[in-house]
Protein backbone atom coordinates (compact mmCIF):
# COMPACT_ATOMS: atom_id res chain seq x y z
CA UNK A 1 -12.84 244.73 167.78
CA UNK A 2 -14.02 241.43 168.18
CA UNK A 3 -12.28 238.62 170.28
CA UNK A 4 -12.56 234.84 169.78
CA UNK A 5 -11.62 231.80 171.65
CA UNK A 6 -10.93 228.75 169.89
CA UNK A 7 -9.99 225.16 170.10
CA UNK A 8 -8.07 223.41 167.37
CA UNK A 9 -7.47 219.65 166.88
CA UNK A 10 -4.65 217.72 165.59
CA UNK A 11 -5.84 214.46 164.15
CA UNK A 12 -2.31 213.08 163.74
CA UNK A 13 -1.45 213.64 167.36
CA UNK A 14 -4.94 213.52 168.80
CA UNK A 15 -4.18 216.75 170.68
CA UNK A 16 -6.26 219.85 171.19
CA UNK A 17 -5.08 223.45 171.36
CA UNK A 18 -7.01 226.29 172.88
CA UNK A 19 -6.32 229.88 172.42
CA UNK A 20 -7.73 233.58 171.93
CA UNK A 21 -7.33 236.02 169.24
CA UNK A 22 -8.68 238.94 167.42
CA UNK A 23 -7.99 237.44 163.93
CA UNK A 24 -8.95 233.78 163.73
CA UNK A 25 -8.02 233.34 160.14
CA UNK A 26 -4.54 234.67 160.68
CA UNK A 27 -3.71 232.90 163.92
CA UNK A 28 -4.81 229.50 162.25
CA UNK A 29 -2.77 230.19 159.42
CA UNK A 30 0.09 230.94 161.82
CA UNK A 31 -0.57 227.61 163.64
CA UNK A 32 -0.40 225.55 160.58
CA UNK A 33 2.13 227.50 158.58
CA UNK A 34 4.55 228.84 161.11
CA UNK A 35 8.29 228.10 161.26
CA UNK A 36 8.44 227.81 164.90
CA UNK A 37 6.50 227.68 167.90
CA UNK A 38 5.05 224.74 170.16
CA UNK A 39 2.21 223.97 167.73
CA UNK A 40 4.26 223.22 164.65
CA UNK A 41 5.06 219.83 165.84
CA UNK A 42 1.47 218.75 165.76
CA UNK A 43 0.21 220.14 162.25
CA UNK A 44 -2.31 220.25 160.59
CA UNK A 45 -4.64 221.71 162.99
CA UNK A 46 -8.45 221.83 162.30
CA UNK A 47 -10.62 224.27 164.12
CA UNK A 48 -13.36 222.20 166.15
CA UNK A 49 -15.05 225.05 168.47
CA UNK A 50 -15.27 228.80 168.33
CA UNK A 51 -16.76 231.54 170.63
CA UNK A 52 -16.87 235.09 169.86
CA UNK A 53 -16.76 237.95 172.57
CA UNK A 54 -16.84 241.83 172.82
CA UNK A 55 -13.99 242.05 175.22
CA UNK A 56 -10.34 240.54 175.63
CA UNK A 57 -11.30 239.64 179.12
CA UNK A 58 -14.17 237.67 178.13
CA UNK A 59 -12.05 235.74 175.61
CA UNK A 60 -9.42 235.13 178.12
CA UNK A 61 -11.97 233.94 180.62
CA UNK A 62 -13.38 231.62 178.44
CA UNK A 63 -9.98 230.34 177.17
CA UNK A 64 -9.09 229.80 180.88
CA UNK A 65 -12.47 227.95 181.54
CA UNK A 66 -11.74 225.47 178.71
CA UNK A 67 -8.33 224.88 180.29
CA UNK A 68 -9.73 224.08 183.55
CA UNK A 69 -11.09 220.69 184.85
CA UNK A 70 -14.57 221.83 184.51
CA UNK A 71 -13.97 223.27 180.87
CA UNK A 72 -12.38 220.01 179.86
CA UNK A 73 -15.30 217.93 181.44
CA UNK A 74 -17.61 220.12 179.23
CA UNK A 75 -15.75 219.77 176.22
CA UNK A 76 -15.43 216.06 176.70
CA UNK A 77 -19.24 215.71 177.07
CA UNK A 78 -20.21 217.69 174.06
CA UNK A 79 -17.77 216.37 171.77
CA UNK A 80 -17.20 212.63 173.18
CA UNK A 81 -13.64 212.78 172.88
CA UNK A 82 -10.58 211.32 174.66
CA UNK A 83 -8.19 214.35 174.66
CA UNK A 84 -4.80 215.41 175.44
CA UNK A 85 -4.96 219.28 175.76
CA UNK A 86 -1.82 221.42 175.12
CA UNK A 87 -1.51 225.23 175.50
CA UNK A 88 1.26 227.98 175.09
């Protein structure tokens, strides 16, 4: 099984969302078409960054890194954004 850490962006609200999954396509579909949940308020979401991992632990560690101060600094440096990050 492959795990993926992803970063989504909502152009309308200028917000980022960071998560991990084993099925990126289904997960993004849920974010954009689900009937409830936090991310429904900021649709549509676009994928802006993806990283693949062999283990769930690796994917969660990367998710936590992106949610940390250092991870946000890395992201801002590579994507030149002024961000508002949100998460589950």
